[in-house]
Amino acid sequence: MYTALNSIVYFIREAFKGFFRNRATALGSVITIFLSLLILGVFSVGAVVVGNVVDSVESKVSITAYVADDAKEKQIQKVESYIEGLDGVASVSFTTKDQALENFKKSMTSNPDIVEQLDGQNPLPASIDVELSEAQEVTAIADKIAQNEDFQKICDNPDDPAESLKYGQKTVDKLFALTNYVRYIGIALIGLLMFIALIFILNNIRLSILARRKEIAIMRLVGASNGFIRGPFSVEGMLHAFVGAVLAIGSLQTMRMLALPKLQSALPWLPINVDGSTYLLIYLLLLVAGLLLGLLGSAWAMGRYLKI
């Protein structure tokens, strides 16, 4: 136990010596790791926020089926019964022309001139409103409604029943497409920065090996184990990564405390809040990713320059 503790203390002491001996390359290594992990953290938080936004949008995806003014009540009820029986439908309700006009007036309280231009007319159609339990099925459900013969008889556009349906799947599809593009760009950028960080770590460990080559030769002569010789260099690589990870976590926490509240105030209608446990998981991810990066970089350097 005493020998193991002495070895650990020796590894840490030598790692700090190597870190400060090659300050320029060590600084480059730390900054590159910091930027890599910071971007990884920002994209992780962004992924959670986008996931919340997508869930929110999906929860509001519904289908509005517009009905002709001369549609009979029995015909409407028959279509409603058909829709209620479809898988993925949560509820079905009916909005009359008068209700549609009242809803429009409420939504236009900030623009009363638009309401006045109606001049007492009601151009809005009645509609069957469909709430979904499975937002992903909106297109399939809309197609089934459009193909239903009873709906085709009462829809406000009998020449093209699909045009009598309004739903928000296109919005969700565009949102997913955008997030996929951003994700691919982020992965490429993080990969590039991490590769650059590995190069910096490799160079720094190489310089440490060259600076201690006589000491290493003596260690070999007296029978020091490979693990004992390699130990300080592994710890030094982890030290670079640890400092970079701490800086990235500190920056992310600062952004959380200062920038996120302002963003929430500016966009109160978006669910961009991220709970504390999620942040803790992201911080743990950054720390583990940084330490693995340091170990990988030091192992790569030792494999090339430390022939043991």
C-alpha atoms as a PDB file:
ATOM      1  CA  MET A   1       0.000   0.000   0.000  1.00  0.00           C
ATOM      2  CA  TYR A   2       2.808   2.375   0.932  1.00  0.00           C
ATOM      3  CA  THR A   3       4.714   1.564  -2.289  1.00  0.00           C
ATOM      4  CA  ALA A   4       1.584   2.072  -4.424  1.00  0.00           C
ATOM      5  CA  LEU A   5       0.903   5.400  -2.737  1.00  0.00           C
ATOM      6  CA  ASN A   6       4.502   6.491  -3.298  1.00  0.00           C
ATOM      7  CA  SER A   7       4.188   5.551  -6.988  1.00  0.00           C
ATOM      8  CA  ILE A   8       1.015   7.596  -7.391  1.00  0.00           C
ATOM      9  CA  VAL A   9       2.613  10.616  -5.726  1.00  0.00           C
ATOM     10  CA  TYR A  10       5.651  10.199  -7.977  1.00  0.00           C
ATOM     11  CA  PHE A  11       3.457   9.984 -11.099  1.00  0.00           C
ATOM     12  CA  ILE A  12       1.556  13.149 -10.184  1.00  0.00           C
ATOM     13  CA  ARG A  13       4.719  15.087  -9.296  1.00  0.00           C
ATOM     14  CA  GLU A  14       6.434  14.148 -12.561  1.00  0.00           C
ATOM     15  CA  ALA A  15       3.259  14.879 -14.548  1.00  0.00           C
ATOM     16  CA  PHE A  16       3.156  18.422 -13.163  1.00  0.00           C
ATOM     17  CA  LYS A  17       6.870  18.854 -13.914  1.00  0.00           C
ATOM     18  CA  GLY A  18       6.322  17.812 -17.528  1.00  0.00           C
ATOM     19  CA  PHE A  19       3.213  20.014 -17.773  1.00  0.00           C
ATOM     20  CA  PHE A  20       5.041  23.169 -16.669  1.00  0.00           C
ATOM     21  CA  ARG A  21       8.307  22.254 -18.428  1.00  0.00           C
ATOM     22  CA  ASN A  22       6.545  22.356 -21.811  1.00  0.00           C
ATOM     23  CA  ARG A  23       4.121  25.158 -21.037  1.00  0.00           C
ATOM     24  CA  ALA A  24       3.574  26.340 -24.618  1.00  0.00           C
ATOM     25  CA  THR A  25       2.486  22.983 -26.032  1.00  0.00           C
ATOM     26  CA  ALA A  26       0.624  22.153 -22.803  1.00  0.00           C
ATOM     27  CA  LEU A  27      -1.361  25.390 -23.158  1.00  0.00           C
ATOM     28  CA  GLY A  28      -2.197  24.567 -26.768  1.00  0.00           C
ATOM     29  CA  SER A  29      -3.307  21.092 -25.717  1.00  0.00           C
ATOM     30  CA  VAL A  30      -5.504  22.415 -22.886  1.00  0.00           C
ATOM     31  CA  ILE A  31      -7.120  25.104 -25.056  1.00  0.00           C
ATOM     32  CA  THR A  32      -7.908  22.628 -27.840  1.00  0.00           C
ATOM     33  CA  ILE A  33      -9.397  20.123 -25.393  1.00  0.00           C
ATOM     34  CA  PHE A  34     -11.344  22.939 -23.751  1.00  0.00           C
ATOM     35  CA  LEU A  35     -12.827  24.067 -27.084  1.00  0.00           C
ATOM     36  CA  SER A  36     -13.635  20.490 -28.119  1.00  0.00           C
ATOM     37  CA  LEU A  37     -15.425  19.693 -24.873  1.00  0.00           C
ATOM     38  CA  LEU A  38     -17.160  23.079 -24.732  1.00  0.00           C
ATOM     39  CA  ILE A  39     -18.615  22.534 -28.202  1.00  0.00           C
ATOM     40  CA  LEU A  40     -19.587  18.992 -27.204  1.00  0.00           C
ATOM     41  CA  GLY A  41     -21.310  20.383 -24.096  1.00  0.00           C
ATOM     42  CA  VAL A  42     -23.125  23.127 -26.027  1.00  0.00           C
ATOM     43  CA  PHE A  43     -24.357  20.622 -28.600  1.00  0.00           C
ATOM     44  CA  SER A  44     -25.458  18.234 -25.834  1.00  0.00           C
ATOM     45  CA  VAL A  45     -27.496  20.982 -24.148  1.00  0.00           C
ATOM     46  CA  GLY A  46     -28.787  22.045 -27.559  1.00  0.00           C
ATOM     47  CA  ALA A  47     -29.860  18.478 -28.323  1.00  0.00           C
ATOM     48  CA  VAL A  48     -31.882  18.370 -25.087  1.00  0.00           C
ATOM     49  CA  VAL A  49     -33.493  21.742 -25.846  1.00  0.00           C
ATOM     50  CA  VAL A  50     -34.344  20.741 -29.429  1.00  0.00           C
ATOM     51  CA  GLY A  51     -35.766  17.465 -28.109  1.00  0.00           C
ATOM     52  CA  ASN A  52     -38.020  19.432 -25.747  1.00  0.00           C
ATOM     53  CA  VAL A  53     -39.116  21.743 -28.571  1.00  0.00           C
ATOM     54  CA  VAL A  54     -39.853  18.820 -30.901  1.00  0.00           C
ATOM     55  CA  ASP A  55     -41.864  17.057 -28.172  1.00  0.00           C
ATOM     56  CA  SER A  56     -43.784  20.275 -27.568  1.00  0.00           C
ATOM     57  CA  VAL A  57     -44.497  20.734 -31.277  1.00  0.00           C
ATOM     58  CA  GLU A  58     -45.492  17.093 -31.669  1.00  0.00           C
ATOM     59  CA  SER A  59     -47.878  17.340 -28.720  1.00  0.00           C
ATOM     60  CA  LYS A  60     -49.666  20.173 -30.535  1.00  0.00           C
ATOM     61  CA  VAL A  61     -49.847  18.434 -33.916  1.00  0.00           C
ATOM     62  CA  SER A  62     -53.498  18.042 -34.852  1.00  0.00           C
ATOM     63  CA  ILE A  63     -55.655  17.716 -37.949  1.00  0.00           C
ATOM     64  CA  THR A  64     -58.325  20.189 -38.961  1.00  0.00           C
ATOM     65  CA  ALA A  65     -60.798  18.830 -41.514  1.00  0.00           C
ATOM     66  CA  TYR A  66     -62.810  21.665 -43.083  1.00  0.00           C
ATOM     67  CA  VAL A  67     -66.478  20.974 -43.791  1.00  0.00           C
ATOM     68  CA  ALA A  68     -68.771  22.489 -46.433  1.00  0.00           C
ATOM     69  CA  ASP A  69     -71.467  24.901 -45.244  1.00  0.00           C
ATOM     70  CA  ASP A  70     -74.271  22.667 -46.545  1.00  0.00           C
ATOM     71  CA  ALA A  71     -73.029  19.503 -44.792  1.00  0.00           C
ATOM     72  CA  LYS A  72     -75.761  17.727 -42.791  1.00  0.00           C
ATOM     73  CA  GLU A  73     -75.336  16.962 -39.102  1.00  0.00           C
ATOM     74  CA  LYS A  74     -75.773  13.217 -39.627  1.00  0.00           C
ATOM     75  CA  GLN A  75     -73.074  13.220 -42.309  1.00  0.00           C
ATOM     76  CA  ILE A  76     -70.703  15.082 -40.010  1.00  0.00           C
ATOM     77  CA  GLN A  77     -71.399  12.682 -37.124  1.00  0.00           C
ATOM     78  CA  LYS A  78     -70.730   9.705 -39.404  1.00  0.00           C
ATOM     79  CA  VAL A  79     -67.318  11.118 -40.369  1.00  0.00           C
ATOM     80  CA  GLU A  80     -66.541  11.892 -36.725  1.00  0.00           C
ATOM     81  CA  SER A  81     -67.331   8.281 -35.751  1.00  0.00           C
ATOM     82  CA  TYR A  82     -65.041   7.014 -38.511  1.00  0.00           C
ATOM     83  CA  ILE A  83     -62.168   9.257 -37.381  1.00  0.00           C
ATOM     84  CA  GLU A  84     -62.619   8.306 -33.718  1.00  0.00           C
ATOM     85  CA  GLY A  85     -62.085   4.660 -34.697  1.00  0.00           C
ATOM     86  CA  LEU A  86     -58.687   5.316 -36.303  1.00  0.00           C
ATOM     87  CA  ASP A  87     -55.550   4.252 -34.422  1.00  0.00           C
ATOM     88  CA  GLY A  88     -53.579   7.201 -33.072  1.00  0.00           C
ATOM     89  CA  VAL A  89     -56.609   9.476 -32.605  1.00  0.00           C
ATOM     90  CA  ALA A  90     -57.088  10.820 -29.080  1.00  0.00           C
ATOM     91  CA  SER A  91     -60.254  12.896 -29.507  1.00  0.00           C
ATOM     92  CA  VAL A  92     -62.540  14.438 -32.105  1.00  0.00           C
ATOM     93  CA  SER A  93     -64.524  17.672 -31.761  1.00  0.00           C
ATOM     94  CA  PHE A  94     -66.583  19.899 -34.033  1.00  0.00           C
ATOM     95  CA  THR A  95     -66.206  23.666 -34.534  1.00  0.00           C
ATOM     96  CA  THR A  96     -69.145  25.484 -36.095  1.00  0.00           C
ATOM     97  CA  LYS A  97     -68.816  28.447 -38.432  1.00  0.00           C
ATOM     98  CA  ASP A  98     -69.823  30.814 -35.635  1.00  0.00           C
ATOM     99  CA  GLN A  99     -67.292  29.288 -33.234  1.00  0.00           C
ATOM    100  CA  ALA A 100     -64.590  29.524 -35.904  1.00  0.00           C
ATOM    101  CA  LEU A 101     -65.365  33.223 -36.336  1.00  0.00           C
ATOM    102  CA  GLU A 102     -65.237  33.840 -32.577  1.00  0.00           C
ATOM    103  CA  ASN A 103     -61.889  32.033 -32.316  1.00  0.00           C
ATOM    104  CA  PHE A 104     -60.572  34.147 -35.194  1.00  0.00           C
ATOM    105  CA  LYS A 105     -61.685  37.379 -33.499  1.00  0.00           C
ATOM    106  CA  LYS A 106     -59.961  36.356 -30.256  1.00  0.00           C
ATOM    107  CA  SER A 107     -56.723  35.634 -32.116  1.00  0.00           C
ATOM    108  CA  MET A 108     -56.899  39.026 -33.860  1.00  0.00           C
ATOM    109  CA  THR A 109     -57.376  41.241 -30.780  1.00  0.00           C
ATOM    110  CA  SER A 110     -54.094  43.014 -31.592  1.00  0.00           C
ATOM    111  CA  ASN A 111     -55.243  43.604 -35.213  1.00  0.00           C
ATOM    112  CA  PRO A 112     -58.916  44.693 -35.035  1.00  0.00           C
ATOM    113  CA  ASP A 113     -58.735  46.221 -38.521  1.00  0.00           C
ATOM    114  CA  ILE A 114     -58.591  42.745 -40.046  1.00  0.00           C
ATOM    115  CA  VAL A 115     -61.823  41.771 -38.262  1.00  0.00           C
ATOM    116  CA  GLU A 116     -63.531  44.985 -39.380  1.00  0.00           C
ATOM    117  CA  GLN A 117     -62.704  44.203 -43.008  1.00  0.00           C
ATOM    118  CA  LEU A 118     -64.969  41.161 -42.815  1.00  0.00           C
ATOM    119  CA  ASP A 119     -67.888  43.620 -42.735  1.00  0.00           C
ATOM    120  CA  GLY A 120     -70.157  41.227 -40.855  1.00  0.00           C
ATOM    121  CA  GLN A 121     -69.427  38.333 -43.213  1.00  0.00           C
ATOM    122  CA  ASN A 122     -68.229  34.913 -42.033  1.00  0.00           C
ATOM    123  CA  PRO A 123     -65.978  33.314 -44.654  1.00  0.00           C
ATOM    124  CA  LEU A 124     -64.665  30.678 -42.250  1.00  0.00           C
ATOM    125  CA  PRO A 125     -65.806  27.067 -42.677  1.00  0.00           C
ATOM    126  CA  ALA A 126     -66.893  24.686 -39.946  1.00  0.00           C
ATOM    127  CA  SER A 127     -64.347  22.008 -39.118  1.00  0.00           C
ATOM    128  CA  ILE A 128     -63.780  18.624 -37.507  1.00  0.00           C
ATOM    129  CA  ASP A 129     -60.823  18.964 -35.142  1.00  0.00           C
ATOM    130  CA  VAL A 130     -58.726  15.852 -34.510  1.00  0.00           C
ATOM    131  CA  GLU A 131     -56.319  15.559 -31.572  1.00  0.00           C
ATOM    132  CA  LEU A 132     -53.702  12.813 -31.896  1.00  0.00           C
ATOM    133  CA  SER A 133     -52.177  10.408 -29.404  1.00  0.00           C
ATOM    134  CA  GLU A 134     -49.475   9.451 -31.920  1.00  0.00           C
ATOM    135  CA  ALA A 135     -48.125  12.578 -33.622  1.00  0.00           C
ATOM    136  CA  GLN A 136     -45.898  10.496 -35.909  1.00  0.00           C
ATOM    137  CA  GLU A 137     -49.029   8.989 -37.492  1.00  0.00           C
ATOM    138  CA  VAL A 138     -50.484  12.340 -38.560  1.00  0.00           C
ATOM    139  CA  THR A 139     -49.775  11.866 -42.276  1.00  0.00           C
ATOM    140  CA  ALA A 140     -51.228   8.338 -42.343  1.00  0.00           C
ATOM    141  CA  ILE A 141     -54.344   9.468 -40.452  1.00  0.00           C
ATOM    142  CA  ALA A 142     -54.792  12.492 -42.726  1.00  0.00           C
ATOM    143  CA  ASP A 143     -54.556  10.231 -45.800  1.00  0.00           C
ATOM    144  CA  LYS A 144     -57.223   7.898 -44.402  1.00  0.00           C
ATOM    145  CA  ILE A 145     -59.561  10.818 -43.718  1.00  0.00           C
ATOM    146  CA  ALA A 146     -59.026  12.225 -47.226  1.00  0.00           C
ATOM    147  CA  GLN A 147     -59.790   8.813 -48.753  1.00  0.00           C
ATOM    148  CA  ASN A 148     -62.978   8.332 -46.735  1.00  0.00           C
ATOM    149  CA  GLU A 149     -66.021   8.547 -49.035  1.00  0.00           C
ATOM    150  CA  ASP A 150     -68.235  10.170 -46.398  1.00  0.00           C
ATOM    151  CA  PHE A 151     -65.684  12.926 -45.808  1.00  0.00           C
ATOM    152  CA  GLN A 152     -65.316  13.484 -49.549  1.00  0.00           C
ATOM    153  CA  LYS A 153     -69.048  14.237 -49.679  1.00  0.00           C
ATOM    154  CA  ILE A 154     -68.940  16.958 -46.985  1.00  0.00           C
ATOM    155  CA  CYS A 155     -65.468  18.512 -47.310  1.00  0.00           C
ATOM    156  CA  ASP A 156     -65.221  22.132 -48.455  1.00  0.00           C
ATOM    157  CA  ASN A 157     -63.045  21.152 -51.429  1.00  0.00           C
ATOM    158  CA  PRO A 158     -64.635  18.046 -53.023  1.00  0.00           C
ATOM    159  CA  ASP A 159     -62.365  18.283 -56.084  1.00  0.00           C
ATOM    160  CA  ASP A 160     -59.322  17.661 -53.863  1.00  0.00           C
ATOM    161  CA  PRO A 161     -60.314  16.411 -50.359  1.00  0.00           C
ATOM    162  CA  ALA A 162     -56.674  16.468 -49.207  1.00  0.00           C
ATOM    163  CA  GLU A 163     -56.759  20.279 -49.543  1.00  0.00           C
ATOM    164  CA  SER A 164     -59.561  20.338 -46.949  1.00  0.00           C
ATOM    165  CA  LEU A 165     -57.149  18.992 -44.344  1.00  0.00           C
ATOM    166  CA  LYS A 166     -54.690  21.097 -42.389  1.00  0.00           C
ATOM    167  CA  TYR A 167     -52.013  19.572 -40.154  1.00  0.00           C
ATOM    168  CA  GLY A 168     -48.530  20.447 -38.875  1.00  0.00           C
ATOM    169  CA  GLN A 169     -46.398  17.471 -39.850  1.00  0.00           C
ATOM    170  CA  LYS A 170     -44.410  19.566 -42.324  1.00  0.00           C
ATOM    171  CA  THR A 171     -43.287  21.807 -39.461  1.00  0.00           C
ATOM    172  CA  VAL A 172     -42.050  18.811 -37.476  1.00  0.00           C
ATOM    173  CA  ASP A 173     -40.315  17.327 -40.541  1.00  0.00           C
ATOM    174  CA  LYS A 174     -38.480  20.609 -41.224  1.00  0.00           C
ATOM    175  CA  LEU A 175     -37.442  20.823 -37.578  1.00  0.00           C
ATOM    176  CA  PHE A 176     -36.022  17.291 -37.656  1.00  0.00           C
ATOM    177  CA  ALA A 177     -34.191  17.999 -40.940  1.00  0.00           C
ATOM    178  CA  LEU A 178     -32.627  21.153 -39.482  1.00  0.00           C
ATOM    179  CA  THR A 179     -31.500  19.396 -36.294  1.00  0.00           C
ATOM    180  CA  ASN A 180     -29.946  16.577 -38.342  1.00  0.00           C
ATOM    181  CA  TYR A 181     -27.875  19.063 -40.375  1.00  0.00           C
ATOM    182  CA  VAL A 182     -26.725  20.841 -37.213  1.00  0.00           C
ATOM    183  CA  ARG A 183     -25.899  17.500 -35.578  1.00  0.00           C
ATOM    184  CA  TYR A 184     -23.723  16.381 -38.519  1.00  0.00           C
ATOM    185  CA  ILE A 185     -21.855  19.697 -38.585  1.00  0.00           C
ATOM    186  CA  GLY A 186     -21.320  19.512 -34.815  1.00  0.00           C
ATOM    187  CA  ILE A 187     -20.009  15.946 -34.934  1.00  0.00           C
ATOM    188  CA  ALA A 188     -17.554  16.870 -37.705  1.00  0.00           C
ATOM    189  CA  LEU A 189     -16.318  19.949 -35.822  1.00  0.00           C
ATOM    190  CA  ILE A 190     -15.934  18.067 -32.524  1.00  0.00           C
ATOM    191  CA  GLY A 191     -14.082  15.238 -34.284  1.00  0.00           C
ATOM    192  CA  LEU A 192     -11.667  17.695 -35.914  1.00  0.00           C
ATOM    193  CA  LEU A 193     -10.950  19.524 -32.657  1.00  0.00           C
ATOM    194  CA  MET A 194     -10.434  16.283 -30.739  1.00  0.00           C
ATOM    195  CA  PHE A 195      -7.965  15.072 -33.372  1.00  0.00           C
ATOM    196  CA  ILE A 196      -6.058  18.356 -33.054  1.00  0.00           C
ATOM    197  CA  ALA A 197      -6.114  17.930 -29.264  1.00  0.00           C
ATOM    198  CA  LEU A 198      -4.612  14.439 -29.645  1.00  0.00           C
ATOM    199  CA  ILE A 199      -1.809  15.902 -31.771  1.00  0.00           C
ATOM    200  CA  PHE A 200      -1.069  18.521 -29.087  1.00  0.00           C
ATOM    201  CA  ILE A 201      -1.040  15.879 -26.333  1.00  0.00           C
ATOM    202  CA  LEU A 202       1.203  13.645 -28.425  1.00  0.00           C
ATOM    203  CA  ASN A 203       3.710  16.474 -28.975  1.00  0.00           C
ATOM    204  CA  ASN A 204       3.693  17.443 -25.317  1.00  0.00           C
ATOM    205  CA  ILE A 205       4.276  13.862 -24.139  1.00  0.00           C
ATOM    206  CA  ARG A 206       6.988  13.484 -26.787  1.00  0.00           C
ATOM    207  CA  LEU A 207       8.816  16.507 -25.385  1.00  0.00           C
ATOM    208  CA  SER A 208       8.473  15.108 -21.863  1.00  0.00           C
ATOM    209  CA  ILE A 209       9.902  11.768 -23.002  1.00  0.00           C
ATOM    210  CA  LEU A 210      12.850  13.493 -24.692  1.00  0.00           C
ATOM    211  CA  ALA A 211      13.521  15.629 -21.609  1.00  0.00           C
ATOM    212  CA  ARG A 212      13.612  12.536 -19.383  1.00  0.00           C
ATOM    213  CA  ARG A 213      15.315  10.102 -21.773  1.00  0.00           C
ATOM    214  CA  LYS A 214      18.426   9.734 -19.566  1.00  0.00           C
ATOM    215  CA  GLU A 215      16.300   9.148 -16.489  1.00  0.00           C
ATOM    216  CA  ILE A 216      14.245   6.576 -18.397  1.00  0.00           C
ATOM    217  CA  ALA A 217      17.412   4.782 -19.501  1.00  0.00           C
ATOM    218  CA  ILE A 218      18.604   4.573 -15.871  1.00  0.00           C
ATOM    219  CA  MET A 219      15.185   3.267 -14.812  1.00  0.00           C
ATOM    220  CA  ARG A 220      15.435   0.502 -17.360  1.00  0.00           C
ATOM    221  CA  LEU A 221      18.903  -0.459 -16.098  1.00  0.00           C
ATOM    222  CA  VAL A 222      17.734  -0.770 -12.491  1.00  0.00           C
ATOM    223  CA  GLY A 223      14.762  -2.879 -13.537  1.00  0.00           C
ATOM    224  CA  ALA A 224      11.849  -0.446 -13.261  1.00  0.00           C
ATOM    225  CA  SER A 225       8.637  -1.897 -14.672  1.00  0.00           C
ATOM    226  CA  ASN A 226       7.109  -0.594 -17.885  1.00  0.00           C
ATOM    227  CA  GLY A 227       4.049   0.561 -15.936  1.00  0.00           C
ATOM    228  CA  PHE A 228       6.204   2.602 -13.567  1.00  0.00           C
ATOM    229  CA  ILE A 229       8.014   4.272 -16.474  1.00  0.00           C
ATOM    230  CA  ARG A 230       4.804   4.946 -18.375  1.00  0.00           C
ATOM    231  CA  GLY A 231       2.849   6.192 -15.344  1.00  0.00           C
ATOM    232  CA  PRO A 232       3.944   9.868 -15.291  1.00  0.00           C
ATOM    233  CA  PHE A 233       3.205  10.281 -19.005  1.00  0.00           C
ATOM    234  CA  SER A 234      -0.278   8.804 -18.678  1.00  0.00           C
ATOM    235  CA  VAL A 235      -1.021  11.096 -15.746  1.00  0.00           C
ATOM    236  CA  GLU A 236       0.343  14.074 -17.669  1.00  0.00           C
ATOM    237  CA  GLY A 237      -2.008  13.406 -20.586  1.00  0.00           C
ATOM    238  CA  MET A 238      -4.910  13.091 -18.147  1.00  0.00           C
ATOM    239  CA  LEU A 239      -3.825  16.334 -16.477  1.00  0.00           C
ATOM    240  CA  HIS A 240      -4.131  18.227 -19.783  1.00  0.00           C
ATOM    241  CA  ALA A 241      -7.573  16.739 -20.340  1.00  0.00           C
ATOM    242  CA  PHE A 242      -8.722  17.386 -16.772  1.00  0.00           C
ATOM    243  CA  VAL A 243      -7.805  21.084 -16.932  1.00  0.00           C
ATOM    244  CA  GLY A 244      -9.529  21.405 -20.328  1.00  0.00           C
ATOM    245  CA  ALA A 245     -12.632  19.617 -19.033  1.00  0.00           C
ATOM    246  CA  VAL A 246     -12.838  21.815 -15.911  1.00  0.00           C
ATOM    247  CA  LEU A 247     -12.596  24.943 -18.074  1.00  0.00           C
ATOM    248  CA  ALA A 248     -15.313  23.623 -20.412  1.00  0.00           C
ATOM    249  CA  ILE A 249     -17.623  22.727 -17.498  1.00  0.00           C
ATOM    250  CA  GLY A 250     -17.011  26.129 -15.886  1.00  0.00           C
ATOM    251  CA  SER A 251     -17.809  27.937 -19.150  1.00  0.00           C
ATOM    252  CA  LEU A 252     -20.957  25.884 -19.690  1.00  0.00           C
ATOM    253  CA  GLN A 253     -22.118  26.572 -16.136  1.00  0.00           C
ATOM    254  CA  THR A 254     -21.498  30.298 -16.660  1.00  0.00           C
ATOM    255  CA  MET A 255     -23.560  30.212 -19.850  1.00  0.00           C
ATOM    256  CA  ARG A 256     -26.293  28.362 -17.956  1.00  0.00           C
ATOM    257  CA  MET A 257     -26.407  31.012 -15.227  1.00  0.00           C
ATOM    258  CA  LEU A 258     -26.072  34.113 -17.403  1.00  0.00           C
ATOM    259  CA  ALA A 259     -27.232  33.398 -20.957  1.00  0.00           C
ATOM    260  CA  LEU A 260     -30.002  30.829 -20.489  1.00  0.00           C
ATOM    261  CA  PRO A 261     -32.272  33.003 -18.282  1.00  0.00           C
ATOM    262  CA  LYS A 262     -32.072  35.811 -20.859  1.00  0.00           C
ATOM    263  CA  LEU A 263     -32.915  33.362 -23.643  1.00  0.00           C
ATOM    264  CA  GLN A 264     -35.878  32.050 -21.657  1.00  0.00           C
ATOM    265  CA  SER A 265     -37.127  35.604 -21.112  1.00  0.00           C
ATOM    266  CA  ALA A 266     -36.781  36.409 -24.805  1.00  0.00           C
ATOM    267  CA  LEU A 267     -38.487  33.173 -25.932  1.00  0.00           C
ATOM    268  CA  PRO A 268     -41.009  32.352 -23.189  1.00  0.00           C
ATOM    269  CA  TRP A 269     -43.173  30.261 -25.530  1.00  0.00           C
ATOM    270  CA  LEU A 270     -40.382  27.745 -26.166  1.00  0.00           C
ATOM    271  CA  PRO A 271     -39.634  24.928 -23.658  1.00  0.00           C
ATOM    272  CA  ILE A 272     -35.885  25.589 -23.525  1.00  0.00           C
ATOM    273  CA  ASN A 273     -35.399  24.882 -19.835  1.00  0.00           C
ATOM    274  CA  VAL A 274     -32.945  22.084 -18.983  1.00  0.00           C
ATOM    275  CA  ASP A 275     -33.093  20.575 -15.502  1.00  0.00           C
ATOM    276  CA  GLY A 276     -30.093  20.366 -13.161  1.00  0.00           C
ATOM    277  CA  SER A 277     -29.759  16.564 -13.331  1.00  0.00           C
ATOM    278  CA  THR A 278     -29.341  16.774 -17.115  1.00  0.00           C
ATOM    279  CA  TYR A 279     -26.570  19.330 -16.692  1.00  0.00           C
ATOM    280  CA  LEU A 280     -24.833  17.069 -14.155  1.00  0.00           C
ATOM    281  CA  LEU A 281     -24.933  14.187 -16.638  1.00  0.00           C
ATOM    282  CA  ILE A 282     -23.492  16.421 -19.360  1.00  0.00           C
ATOM    283  CA  TYR A 283     -20.716  17.617 -17.037  1.00  0.00           C
ATOM    284  CA  LEU A 284     -19.886  14.012 -16.160  1.00  0.00           C
ATOM    285  CA  LEU A 285     -19.837  13.168 -19.873  1.00  0.00           C
ATOM    286  CA  LEU A 286     -17.389  16.013 -20.546  1.00  0.00           C
ATOM    287  CA  LEU A 287     -15.097  14.953 -17.704  1.00  0.00           C
ATOM    288  CA  VAL A 288     -15.034  11.288 -18.771  1.00  0.00           C
ATOM    289  CA  ALA A 289     -14.588  12.225 -22.445  1.00  0.00           C
ATOM    290  CA  GLY A 290     -11.692  14.530 -21.515  1.00  0.00           C
ATOM    291  CA  LEU A 291      -9.895  11.918 -19.401  1.00  0.00           C
ATOM    292  CA  LEU A 292     -10.309   9.306 -22.139  1.00  0.00           C
ATOM    293  CA  LEU A 293      -8.928  11.804 -24.644  1.00  0.00           C
ATOM    294  CA  GLY A 294      -5.898  12.420 -22.404  1.00  0.00           C
ATOM    295  CA  LEU A 295      -5.254   8.704 -21.932  1.00  0.00           C
ATOM    296  CA  LEU A 296      -5.576   8.044 -25.652  1.00  0.00           C
ATOM    297  CA  GLY A 297      -3.208  10.881 -26.558  1.00  0.00           C
ATOM    298  CA  SER A 298      -0.560   9.831 -24.034  1.00  0.00           C
ATOM    299  CA  ALA A 299      -0.861   6.159 -25.081  1.00  0.00           C
ATOM    300  CA  TRP A 300      -0.396   7.179 -28.716  1.00  0.00           C
ATOM    301  CA  ALA A 301       2.698   9.209 -27.839  1.00  0.00           C
ATOM    302  CA  MET A 302       4.229   6.430 -25.719  1.00  0.00           C
ATOM    303  CA  GLY A 303       3.570   3.911 -28.450  1.00  0.00           C
ATOM    304  CA  ARG A 304       5.522   6.065 -30.894  1.00  0.00           C
ATOM    305  CA  TYR A 305       8.333   7.480 -28.762  1.00  0.00           C
ATOM    306  CA  LEU A 306       8.674   5.280 -25.675  1.00  0.00           C
ATOM    307  CA  LYS A 307       9.915   1.925 -26.931  1.00  0.00           C
ATOM    308  CA  ILE A 308       8.959  -0.240 -23.957  1.00  0.00           C
END
